[in-house]
PDB file of N, CA and C in Angstrom:
ATOM      1  N   MET A   1       0.824  -1.196   0.000  1.00  0.00           N
ATOM      2  CA  MET A   1       0.000   0.000   0.000  1.00  0.00           C
ATOM      3  C   MET A   1       0.863   1.252   0.000  1.00  0.00           C
ATOM      4  N   LYS A   2       1.954   1.227   0.808  1.00  0.00           N
ATOM      5  CA  LYS A   2       2.844   2.382   0.851  1.00  0.00           C
ATOM      6  C   LYS A   2       3.523   2.601  -0.487  1.00  0.00           C
ATOM      7  N   LYS A   3       3.820   1.522  -1.192  1.00  0.00           N
ATOM      8  CA  LYS A   3       4.485   1.646  -2.487  1.00  0.00           C
ATOM      9  C   LYS A   3       3.578   2.331  -3.505  1.00  0.00           C
ATOM     10  N   LEU A   4       2.305   2.164  -3.389  1.00  0.00           N
ATOM     11  CA  LEU A   4       1.353   2.788  -4.296  1.00  0.00           C
ATOM     12  C   LEU A   4       1.048   4.226  -3.886  1.00  0.00           C
ATOM     13  N   PHE A   5       0.979   4.460  -2.594  1.00  0.00           N
ATOM     14  CA  PHE A   5       0.616   5.774  -2.078  1.00  0.00           C
ATOM     15  C   PHE A   5       1.716   6.820  -2.322  1.00  0.00           C
ATOM     16  N   PHE A   6       2.963   6.466  -2.138  1.00  0.00           N
ATOM     17  CA  PHE A   6       4.069   7.416  -2.259  1.00  0.00           C
ATOM     18  C   PHE A   6       4.210   7.996  -3.670  1.00  0.00           C
ATOM     19  N   PRO A   7       4.226   7.187  -4.738  1.00  0.00           N
ATOM     20  CA  PRO A   7       4.305   7.788  -6.088  1.00  0.00           C
ATOM     21  C   PRO A   7       3.079   8.646  -6.422  1.00  0.00           C
ATOM     22  N   LEU A   8       1.920   8.225  -5.950  1.00  0.00           N
ATOM     23  CA  LEU A   8       0.717   9.016  -6.181  1.00  0.00           C
ATOM     24  C   LEU A   8       0.811  10.359  -5.471  1.00  0.00           C
ATOM     25  N   PHE A   9       1.327  10.335  -4.260  1.00  0.00           N
ATOM     26  CA  PHE A   9       1.506  11.571  -3.497  1.00  0.00           C
ATOM     27  C   PHE A   9       2.492  12.506  -4.190  1.00  0.00           C
ATOM     28  N   ILE A  10       3.575  11.990  -4.703  1.00  0.00           N
ATOM     29  CA  ILE A  10       4.579  12.790  -5.410  1.00  0.00           C
ATOM     30  C   ILE A  10       3.979  13.400  -6.678  1.00  0.00           C
ATOM     31  N   MET A  11       3.204  12.621  -7.424  1.00  0.00           N
ATOM     32  CA  MET A  11       2.586  13.148  -8.646  1.00  0.00           C
ATOM     33  C   MET A  11       1.599  14.256  -8.323  1.00  0.00           C
ATOM     34  N   LEU A  12       0.815  14.108  -7.280  1.00  0.00           N
ATOM     35  CA  LEU A  12      -0.144  15.142  -6.906  1.00  0.00           C
ATOM     36  C   LEU A  12       0.546  16.408  -6.415  1.00  0.00           C
ATOM     37  N   MET A  13       1.699  16.242  -5.792  1.00  0.00           N
ATOM     38  CA  MET A  13       2.430  17.383  -5.275  1.00  0.00           C
ATOM     39  C   MET A  13       2.951  18.271  -6.410  1.00  0.00           C
ATOM     40  N   PHE A  14       3.364  17.677  -7.519  1.00  0.00           N
ATOM     41  CA  PHE A  14       3.917  18.438  -8.624  1.00  0.00           C
ATOM     42  C   PHE A  14       2.881  18.779  -9.695  1.00  0.00           C
ATOM     43  N   TYR A  15       1.679  18.318  -9.520  1.00  0.00           N
ATOM     44  CA  TYR A  15       0.615  18.601 -10.466  1.00  0.00           C
ATOM     45  C   TYR A  15       0.113  20.024 -10.234  1.00  0.00           C
ATOM     46  N   SER A  16       0.129  20.830 -11.247  1.00  0.00           N
ATOM     47  CA  SER A  16      -0.363  22.202 -11.119  1.00  0.00           C
ATOM     48  C   SER A  16      -1.578  22.381 -12.018  1.00  0.00           C
ATOM     49  N   VAL A  17      -2.527  23.079 -11.512  1.00  0.00           N
ATOM     50  CA  VAL A  17      -3.750  23.331 -12.256  1.00  0.00           C
ATOM     51  C   VAL A  17      -3.533  24.551 -13.133  1.00  0.00           C
ATOM     52  N   VAL A  18      -3.781  24.421 -14.415  1.00  0.00           N
ATOM     53  CA  VAL A  18      -3.647  25.529 -15.338  1.00  0.00           C
ATOM     54  C   VAL A  18      -4.986  26.255 -15.380  1.00  0.00           C
ATOM     55  N   LYS A  19      -4.951  27.512 -15.010  1.00  0.00           N
ATOM     56  CA  LYS A  19      -6.169  28.306 -14.977  1.00  0.00           C
ATOM     57  C   LYS A  19      -6.164  29.239 -16.184  1.00  0.00           C
ATOM     58  N   ALA A  20      -7.167  29.111 -17.011  1.00  0.00           N
ATOM     59  CA  ALA A  20      -7.281  29.966 -18.192  1.00  0.00           C
ATOM     60  C   ALA A  20      -8.661  30.615 -18.178  1.00  0.00           C
ATOM     61  N   GLU A  21      -8.679  31.881 -18.550  1.00  0.00           N
ATOM     62  CA  GLU A  21      -9.943  32.605 -18.615  1.00  0.00           C
ATOM     63  C   GLU A  21     -10.125  33.165 -20.022  1.00  0.00           C
ATOM     64  N   PHE A  22     -11.341  33.119 -20.487  1.00  0.00           N
ATOM     65  CA  PHE A  22     -11.687  33.584 -21.824  1.00  0.00           C
ATOM     66  C   PHE A  22     -11.946  35.087 -21.787  1.00  0.00           C
ATOM     67  N   VAL A  23     -11.327  35.828 -22.707  1.00  0.00           N
ATOM     68  CA  VAL A  23     -11.459  37.291 -22.757  1.00  0.00           C
ATOM     69  C   VAL A  23     -12.215  37.678 -24.018  1.00  0.00           C
ATOM     70  N   ASN A  24     -13.299  38.431 -23.832  1.00  0.00           N
ATOM     71  CA  ASN A  24     -14.052  38.906 -24.992  1.00  0.00           C
ATOM     72  C   ASN A  24     -14.102  40.425 -25.080  1.00  0.00           C
ATOM     73  N   ASN A  25     -13.428  41.119 -24.157  1.00  0.00           N
ATOM     74  CA  ASN A  25     -13.373  42.576 -24.185  1.00  0.00           C
ATOM     75  C   ASN A  25     -12.061  43.030 -23.552  1.00  0.00           C
ATOM     76  N   ILE A  26     -11.518  44.138 -24.046  1.00  0.00           N
ATOM     77  CA  ILE A  26     -10.247  44.677 -23.532  1.00  0.00           C
ATOM     78  C   ILE A  26     -10.455  46.141 -23.197  1.00  0.00           C
ATOM     79  N   VAL A  27     -10.049  46.533 -21.975  1.00  0.00           N
ATOM     80  CA  VAL A  27     -10.163  47.917 -21.522  1.00  0.00           C
ATOM     81  C   VAL A  27      -8.785  48.368 -21.047  1.00  0.00           C
ATOM     82  N   VAL A  28      -8.334  49.532 -21.526  1.00  0.00           N
ATOM     83  CA  VAL A  28      -7.040  50.093 -21.130  1.00  0.00           C
ATOM     84  C   VAL A  28      -7.293  51.375 -20.345  1.00  0.00           C
ATOM     85  N   ASN A  29      -6.710  51.480 -19.150  1.00  0.00           N
ATOM     86  CA  ASN A  29      -6.861  52.652 -18.293  1.00  0.00           C
ATOM     87  C   ASN A  29      -5.498  53.224 -17.924  1.00  0.00           C
ATOM     88  N   GLY A  30      -5.451  54.533 -17.691  1.00  0.00           N
ATOM     89  CA  GLY A  30      -4.246  55.182 -17.206  1.00  0.00           C
ATOM     90  C   GLY A  30      -3.321  55.713 -18.285  1.00  0.00           C
ATOM     91  N   ASN A  31      -3.641  55.488 -19.532  1.00  0.00           N
ATOM     92  CA  ASN A  31      -2.769  55.958 -20.611  1.00  0.00           C
ATOM     93  C   ASN A  31      -3.167  57.371 -21.024  1.00  0.00           C
ATOM     94  N   GLU A  32      -2.151  58.212 -21.240  1.00  0.00           N
ATOM     95  CA  GLU A  32      -2.377  59.581 -21.699  1.00  0.00           C
ATOM     96  C   GLU A  32      -1.725  59.817 -23.056  1.00  0.00           C
ATOM     97  N   ARG A  33      -0.448  59.479 -23.182  1.00  0.00           N
ATOM     98  CA  ARG A  33       0.276  59.711 -24.435  1.00  0.00           C
ATOM     99  C   ARG A  33       0.177  58.519 -25.380  1.00  0.00           C
ATOM    100  N   VAL A  34       0.311  57.320 -24.861  1.00  0.00           N
ATOM    101  CA  VAL A  34       0.292  56.116 -25.683  1.00  0.00           C
ATOM    102  C   VAL A  34      -1.166  55.678 -25.849  1.00  0.00           C
ATOM    103  N   SER A  35      -1.599  55.479 -27.081  1.00  0.00           N
ATOM    104  CA  SER A  35      -3.000  55.131 -27.328  1.00  0.00           C
ATOM    105  C   SER A  35      -3.303  53.700 -26.874  1.00  0.00           C
ATOM    106  N   SER A  36      -4.566  53.449 -26.641  1.00  0.00           N
ATOM    107  CA  SER A  36      -5.003  52.115 -26.225  1.00  0.00           C
ATOM    108  C   SER A  36      -4.699  51.080 -27.301  1.00  0.00           C
ATOM    109  N   GLU A  37      -4.877  51.456 -28.554  1.00  0.00           N
ATOM    110  CA  GLU A  37      -4.602  50.531 -29.656  1.00  0.00           C
ATOM    111  C   GLU A  37      -3.131  50.152 -29.711  1.00  0.00           C
ATOM    112  N   THR A  38      -2.258  51.127 -29.410  1.00  0.00           N
ATOM    113  CA  THR A  38      -0.814  50.855 -29.400  1.00  0.00           C
ATOM    114  C   THR A  38      -0.462  49.893 -28.275  1.00  0.00           C
ATOM    115  N   ILE A  39      -1.057  50.084 -27.114  1.00  0.00           N
ATOM    116  CA  ILE A  39      -0.795  49.199 -25.977  1.00  0.00           C
ATOM    117  C   ILE A  39      -1.256  47.780 -26.308  1.00  0.00           C
ATOM    118  N   ILE A  40      -2.420  47.659 -26.908  1.00  0.00           N
ATOM    119  CA  ILE A  40      -2.942  46.338 -27.286  1.00  0.00           C
ATOM    120  C   ILE A  40      -2.044  45.688 -28.330  1.00  0.00           C
ATOM    121  N   LEU A  41      -1.547  46.471 -29.282  1.00  0.00           N
ATOM    122  CA  LEU A  41      -0.658  45.944 -30.318  1.00  0.00           C
ATOM    123  C   LEU A  41       0.696  45.534 -29.741  1.00  0.00           C
ATOM    124  N   LEU A  42       1.287  46.380 -28.896  1.00  0.00           N
ATOM    125  CA  LEU A  42       2.598  46.079 -28.319  1.00  0.00           C
ATOM    126  C   LEU A  42       2.552  44.871 -27.387  1.00  0.00           C
ATOM    127  N   GLY A  43       1.429  44.702 -26.693  1.00  0.00           N
ATOM    128  CA  GLY A  43       1.290  43.571 -25.786  1.00  0.00           C
ATOM    129  C   GLY A  43       0.806  42.306 -26.459  1.00  0.00           C
ATOM    130  N   ASP A  44       0.497  42.393 -27.746  1.00  0.00           N
ATOM    131  CA  ASP A  44      -0.021  41.254 -28.522  1.00  0.00           C
ATOM    132  C   ASP A  44      -1.268  40.678 -27.851  1.00  0.00           C
ATOM    133  N   VAL A  45      -2.187  41.572 -27.510  1.00  0.00           N
ATOM    134  CA  VAL A  45      -3.429  41.196 -26.841  1.00  0.00           C
ATOM    135  C   VAL A  45      -4.521  41.030 -27.896  1.00  0.00           C
ATOM    136  N   GLU A  46      -5.311  39.970 -27.764  1.00  0.00           N
ATOM    137  CA  GLU A  46      -6.379  39.694 -28.728  1.00  0.00           C
ATOM    138  C   GLU A  46      -7.676  39.391 -27.986  1.00  0.00           C
ATOM    139  N   LYS A  47      -8.788  39.747 -28.603  1.00  0.00           N
ATOM    140  CA  LYS A  47     -10.100  39.381 -28.076  1.00  0.00           C
ATOM    141  C   LYS A  47     -10.409  37.936 -28.436  1.00  0.00           C
ATOM    142  N   ASP A  48     -11.409  37.399 -27.749  1.00  0.00           N
ATOM    143  CA  ASP A  48     -11.902  36.042 -28.013  1.00  0.00           C
ATOM    144  C   ASP A  48     -10.786  35.006 -27.945  1.00  0.00           C
ATOM    145  N   LYS A  49     -10.025  35.075 -26.853  1.00  0.00           N
ATOM    146  CA  LYS A  49      -8.907  34.170 -26.657  1.00  0.00           C
ATOM    147  C   LYS A  49      -8.825  33.817 -25.178  1.00  0.00           C
ATOM    148  N   GLU A  50      -8.323  32.617 -24.881  1.00  0.00           N
ATOM    149  CA  GLU A  50      -8.118  32.216 -23.494  1.00  0.00           C
ATOM    150  C   GLU A  50      -6.739  32.660 -23.030  1.00  0.00           C
ATOM    151  N   TYR A  51      -6.678  33.219 -21.831  1.00  0.00           N
ATOM    152  CA  TYR A  51      -5.420  33.718 -21.283  1.00  0.00           C
ATOM    153  C   TYR A  51      -5.084  32.977 -20.002  1.00  0.00           C
ATOM    154  N   THR A  52      -3.871  32.426 -19.959  1.00  0.00           N
ATOM    155  CA  THR A  52      -3.347  31.791 -18.753  1.00  0.00           C
ATOM    156  C   THR A  52      -2.436  32.781 -18.045  1.00  0.00           C
ATOM    157  N   ASP A  53      -1.975  32.400 -16.874  1.00  0.00           N
ATOM    158  CA  ASP A  53      -1.054  33.269 -16.135  1.00  0.00           C
ATOM    159  C   ASP A  53       0.244  33.501 -16.899  1.00  0.00           C
ATOM    160  N   ASN A  54       0.718  32.479 -17.606  1.00  0.00           N
ATOM    161  CA  ASN A  54       1.957  32.631 -18.382  1.00  0.00           C
ATOM    162  C   ASN A  54       1.786  33.637 -19.520  1.00  0.00           C
ATOM    163  N   ILE A  55       0.640  33.606 -20.181  1.00  0.00           N
ATOM    164  CA  ILE A  55       0.390  34.550 -21.273  1.00  0.00           C
ATOM    165  C   ILE A  55       0.291  35.971 -20.724  1.00  0.00           C
ATOM    166  N   LEU A  56      -0.371  36.143 -19.581  1.00  0.00           N
ATOM    167  CA  LEU A  56      -0.474  37.467 -18.962  1.00  0.00           C
ATOM    168  C   LEU A  56       0.903  37.986 -18.543  1.00  0.00           C
ATOM    169  N   ASN A  57       1.750  37.109 -18.029  1.00  0.00           N
ATOM    170  CA  ASN A  57       3.120  37.518 -17.681  1.00  0.00           C
ATOM    171  C   ASN A  57       3.900  37.942 -18.915  1.00  0.00           C
ATOM    172  N   ASN A  58       3.710  37.245 -20.030  1.00  0.00           N
ATOM    173  CA  ASN A  58       4.385  37.620 -21.273  1.00  0.00           C
ATOM    174  C   ASN A  58       3.916  38.985 -21.770  1.00  0.00           C
ATOM    175  N   ILE A  59       2.622  39.277 -21.618  1.00  0.00           N
ATOM    176  CA  ILE A  59       2.094  40.585 -22.010  1.00  0.00           C
ATOM    177  C   ILE A  59       2.742  41.682 -21.176  1.00  0.00           C
ATOM    178  N   ILE A  60       2.840  41.464 -19.872  1.00  0.00           N
ATOM    179  CA  ILE A  60       3.473  42.458 -18.992  1.00  0.00           C
ATOM    180  C   ILE A  60       4.931  42.662 -19.385  1.00  0.00           C
ATOM    181  N   ASN A  61       5.650  41.580 -19.649  1.00  0.00           N
ATOM    182  CA  ASN A  61       7.060  41.689 -20.040  1.00  0.00           C
ATOM    183  C   ASN A  61       7.227  42.461 -21.341  1.00  0.00           C
ATOM    184  N   GLU A  62       6.382  42.186 -22.326  1.00  0.00           N
ATOM    185  CA  GLU A  62       6.477  42.889 -23.609  1.00  0.00           C
ATOM    186  C   GLU A  62       6.192  44.381 -23.444  1.00  0.00           C
ATOM    187  N   LEU A  63       5.235  44.725 -22.604  1.00  0.00           N
ATOM    188  CA  LEU A  63       4.930  46.140 -22.392  1.00  0.00           C
ATOM    189  C   LEU A  63       6.045  46.845 -21.617  1.00  0.00           C
ATOM    190  N   TYR A  64       6.669  46.165 -20.661  1.00  0.00           N
ATOM    191  CA  TYR A  64       7.790  46.770 -19.940  1.00  0.00           C
ATOM    192  C   TYR A  64       8.996  46.977 -20.854  1.00  0.00           C
ATOM    193  N   LYS A  65       9.190  46.113 -21.848  1.00  0.00           N
ATOM    194  CA  LYS A  65      10.318  46.241 -22.775  1.00  0.00           C
ATOM    195  C   LYS A  65      10.252  47.531 -23.592  1.00  0.00           C
ATOM    196  N   THR A  66       9.068  48.121 -23.737  1.00  0.00           N
ATOM    197  CA  THR A  66       8.929  49.352 -24.508  1.00  0.00           C
ATOM    198  C   THR A  66       9.475  50.572 -23.768  1.00  0.00           C
ATOM    199  N   ASN A  67       9.660  50.468 -22.460  1.00  0.00           N
ATOM    200  CA  ASN A  67      10.119  51.581 -21.601  1.00  0.00           C
ATOM    201  C   ASN A  67       9.156  52.763 -21.617  1.00  0.00           C
ATOM    202  N   PHE A  68       7.890  52.529 -21.943  1.00  0.00           N
ATOM    203  CA  PHE A  68       6.873  53.581 -21.892  1.00  0.00           C
ATOM    204  C   PHE A  68       6.200  53.657 -20.532  1.00  0.00           C
ATOM    205  N   PHE A  69       6.261  52.554 -19.754  1.00  0.00           N
ATOM    206  CA  PHE A  69       5.455  52.448 -18.548  1.00  0.00           C
ATOM    207  C   PHE A  69       6.306  52.154 -17.318  1.00  0.00           C
ATOM    208  N   SER A  70       5.907  52.763 -16.193  1.00  0.00           N
ATOM    209  CA  SER A  70       6.582  52.484 -14.930  1.00  0.00           C
ATOM    210  C   SER A  70       5.836  51.430 -14.128  1.00  0.00           C
ATOM    211  N   ASP A  71       4.549  51.211 -14.420  1.00  0.00           N
ATOM    212  CA  ASP A  71       3.764  50.197 -13.714  1.00  0.00           C
ATOM    213  C   ASP A  71       2.679  49.663 -14.650  1.00  0.00           C
ATOM    214  N   ILE A  72       2.493  48.356 -14.621  1.00  0.00           N
ATOM    215  CA  ILE A  72       1.484  47.708 -15.460  1.00  0.00           C
ATOM    216  C   ILE A  72       0.764  46.663 -14.612  1.00  0.00           C
ATOM    217  N   LYS A  73      -0.561  46.696 -14.650  1.00  0.00           N
ATOM    218  CA  LYS A  73      -1.365  45.713 -13.922  1.00  0.00           C
ATOM    219  C   LYS A  73      -2.399  45.136 -14.875  1.00  0.00           C
ATOM    220  N   LEU A  74      -2.561  43.816 -14.829  1.00  0.00           N
ATOM    221  CA  LEU A  74      -3.554  43.133 -15.646  1.00  0.00           C
ATOM    222  C   LEU A  74      -4.524  42.391 -14.742  1.00  0.00           C
ATOM    223  N   GLU A  75      -5.807  42.439 -15.113  1.00  0.00           N
ATOM    224  CA  GLU A  75      -6.821  41.732 -14.334  1.00  0.00           C
ATOM    225  C   GLU A  75      -7.954  41.332 -15.273  1.00  0.00           C
ATOM    226  N   ILE A  76      -8.452  40.117 -15.092  1.00  0.00           N
ATOM    227  CA  ILE A  76      -9.580  39.646 -15.890  1.00  0.00           C
ATOM    228  C   ILE A  76     -10.793  39.568 -14.979  1.00  0.00           C
ATOM    229  N   LEU A  77     -11.818  40.351 -15.327  1.00  0.00           N
ATOM    230  CA  LEU A  77     -13.069  40.363 -14.577  1.00  0.00           C
ATOM    231  C   LEU A  77     -14.234  40.167 -15.543  1.00  0.00           C
ATOM    232  N   ASN A  78     -14.989  39.121 -15.331  1.00  0.00           N
ATOM    233  CA  ASN A  78     -16.190  38.839 -16.138  1.00  0.00           C
ATOM    234  C   ASN A  78     -15.912  38.868 -17.638  1.00  0.00           C
ATOM    235  N   GLY A  79     -14.812  38.274 -18.058  1.00  0.00           N
ATOM    236  CA  GLY A  79     -14.485  38.210 -19.479  1.00  0.00           C
ATOM    237  C   GLY A  79     -13.862  39.467 -20.044  1.00  0.00           C
ATOM    238  N   THR A  80     -13.553  40.449 -19.191  1.00  0.00           N
ATOM    239  CA  THR A  80     -12.935  41.696 -19.638  1.00  0.00           C
ATOM    240  C   THR A  80     -11.508  41.770 -19.098  1.00  0.00           C
ATOM    241  N   LEU A  81     -10.545  41.912 -20.004  1.00  0.00           N
ATOM    242  CA  LEU A  81      -9.153  42.102 -19.609  1.00  0.00           C
ATOM    243  C   LEU A  81      -8.938  43.585 -19.366  1.00  0.00           C
ATOM    244  N   GLN A  82      -8.644  43.942 -18.126  1.00  0.00           N
ATOM    245  CA  GLN A  82      -8.400  45.330 -17.768  1.00  0.00           C
ATOM    246  C   GLN A  82      -6.895  45.542 -17.644  1.00  0.00           C
ATOM    247  N   ILE A  83      -6.383  46.452 -18.455  1.00  0.00           N
ATOM    248  CA  ILE A  83      -4.962  46.786 -18.451  1.00  0.00           C
ATOM    249  C   ILE A  83      -4.828  48.161 -17.824  1.00  0.00           C
ATOM    250  N   GLU A  84      -4.167  48.228 -16.670  1.00  0.00           N
ATOM    251  CA  GLU A  84      -3.950  49.494 -15.959  1.00  0.00           C
ATOM    252  C   GLU A  84      -2.473  49.841 -16.088  1.00  0.00           C
ATOM    253  N   VAL A  85      -2.174  50.988 -16.706  1.00  0.00           N
ATOM    254  CA  VAL A  85      -0.784  51.387 -16.921  1.00  0.00           C
ATOM    255  C   VAL A  85      -0.509  52.732 -16.262  1.00  0.00           C
ATOM    256  N   THR A  86       0.737  52.909 -15.858  1.00  0.00           N
ATOM    257  CA  THR A  86       1.242  54.199 -15.397  1.00  0.00           C
ATOM    258  C   THR A  86       2.410  54.539 -16.308  1.00  0.00           C
ATOM    259  N   GLU A  87       2.274  55.636 -17.032  1.00  0.00           N
ATOM    260  CA  GLU A  87       3.297  55.997 -18.007  1.00  0.00           C
ATOM    261  C   GLU A  87       4.502  56.639 -17.321  1.00  0.00           C
ATOM    262  N   ASN A  88       5.683  56.436 -17.913  1.00  0.00           N
ATOM    263  CA  ASN A  88       6.891  57.096 -17.428  1.00  0.00           C
ATOM    264  C   ASN A  88       6.777  58.595 -17.651  1.00  0.00           C
ATOM    265  N   LYS A  89       7.379  59.347 -16.791  1.00  0.00           N
ATOM    266  CA  LYS A  89       7.384  60.806 -16.925  1.00  0.00           C
ATOM    267  C   LYS A  89       8.296  61.203 -18.089  1.00  0.00           C
ATOM    268  N   ILE A  90       7.942  62.319 -18.742  1.00  0.00           N
ATOM    269  CA  ILE A  90       8.795  62.834 -19.810  1.00  0.00           C
ATOM    270  C   ILE A  90       9.123  64.290 -19.507  1.00  0.00           C
ATOM    271  N   ILE A  91      10.202  64.771 -20.094  1.00  0.00           N
ATOM    272  CA  ILE A  91      10.603  66.171 -19.957  1.00  0.00           C
ATOM    273  C   ILE A  91       9.902  66.953 -21.056  1.00  0.00           C
ATOM    274  N   GLN A  92       9.077  67.930 -20.651  1.00  0.00           N
ATOM    275  CA  GLN A  92       8.352  68.706 -21.652  1.00  0.00           C
ATOM    276  C   GLN A  92       9.100  69.971 -22.034  1.00  0.00           C
ATOM    277  N   THR A  93       9.711  70.646 -21.073  1.00  0.00           N
ATOM    278  CA  THR A  93      10.442  71.877 -21.374  1.00  0.00           C
ATOM    279  C   THR A  93      11.742  71.910 -20.581  1.00  0.00           C
ATOM    280  N   ILE A  94      12.714  72.579 -21.158  1.00  0.00           N
ATOM    281  CA  ILE A  94      13.984  72.839 -20.476  1.00  0.00           C
ATOM    282  C   ILE A  94      14.214  74.333 -20.537  1.00  0.00           C
ATOM    283  N   GLU A  95      14.438  74.937 -19.393  1.00  0.00           N
ATOM    284  CA  GLU A  95      14.679  76.372 -19.326  1.00  0.00           C
ATOM    285  C   GLU A  95      16.078  76.594 -18.771  1.00  0.00           C
ATOM    286  N   ILE A  96      16.889  77.326 -19.520  1.00  0.00           N
ATOM    287  CA  ILE A  96      18.266  77.596 -19.117  1.00  0.00           C
ATOM    288  C   ILE A  96      18.372  79.070 -18.748  1.00  0.00           C
ATOM    289  N   ASN A  97      18.778  79.335 -17.528  1.00  0.00           N
ATOM    290  CA  ASN A  97      18.983  80.700 -17.052  1.00  0.00           C
ATOM    291  C   ASN A  97      20.481  80.948 -16.930  1.00  0.00           C
ATOM    292  N   GLY A  98      20.934  82.085 -17.392  1.00  0.00           N
ATOM    293  CA  GLY A  98      22.353  82.386 -17.300  1.00  0.00           C
ATOM    294  C   GLY A  98      22.666  83.729 -17.926  1.00  0.00           C
ATOM    295  N   ILE A  99      23.938  83.961 -18.158  1.00  0.00           N
ATOM    296  CA  ILE A  99      24.399  85.211 -18.739  1.00  0.00           C
ATOM    297  C   ILE A  99      24.080  85.194 -20.225  1.00  0.00           C
ATOM    298  N   LYS A 100      23.447  86.269 -20.718  1.00  0.00           N
ATOM    299  CA  LYS A 100      23.039  86.320 -22.121  1.00  0.00           C
ATOM    300  C   LYS A 100      24.139  86.845 -23.027  1.00  0.00           C
ATOM    301  N   ALA A 101      25.116  87.590 -22.477  1.00  0.00           N
ATOM    302  CA  ALA A 101      26.189  88.141 -23.290  1.00  0.00           C
ATOM    303  C   ALA A 101      27.290  87.106 -23.474  1.00  0.00           C
ATOM    304  N   ASN A 102      28.089  87.266 -24.522  1.00  0.00           N
ATOM    305  CA  ASN A 102      29.172  86.348 -24.791  1.00  0.00           C
ATOM    306  C   ASN A 102      30.402  86.643 -23.948  1.00  0.00           C
ATOM    307  N   LYS A 103      30.471  87.840 -23.374  1.00  0.00           N
ATOM    308  CA  LYS A 103      31.632  88.192 -22.540  1.00  0.00           C
ATOM    309  C   LYS A 103      31.259  88.070 -21.058  1.00  0.00           C
ATOM    310  N   LEU A 104      32.267  87.884 -20.252  1.00  0.00           N
ATOM    311  CA  LEU A 104      32.038  87.763 -18.814  1.00  0.00           C
ATOM    312  C   LEU A 104      31.769  89.134 -18.207  1.00  0.00           C
ATOM    313  N   LYS A 105      30.892  89.175 -17.264  1.00  0.00           N
ATOM    314  CA  LYS A 105      30.619  90.411 -16.544  1.00  0.00           C
ATOM    315  C   LYS A 105      31.442  90.395 -15.265  1.00  0.00           C
ATOM    316  N   ILE A 106      32.239  91.465 -15.066  1.00  0.00           N
ATOM    317  CA  ILE A 106      33.080  91.545 -13.867  1.00  0.00           C
ATOM    318  C   ILE A 106      32.569  92.606 -12.941  1.00  0.00           C
TER     319      ILE A 106
END
């Protein structure tokens, strides 16, 4: 009995349940400069597809590789993939204050 129980126990211990959810809608929040369509394209996100945890991790990795975002969160609720992004800050203006003449003022 022990000989049968031990291999079964080992197999159950390493058995992982693959959880996949079907997505039929995509919503992108938090984007200001980068369009929602660009985020969906860069992340290779598609409607009417099943998403596992590994696929969601790959989407996050691909979006981080663009260096557009400082934070990315994905969540599937009721068949809707919600992508929450925080964009990296950009420099809009540079103002240089100093001496306007070419010669030194003494």
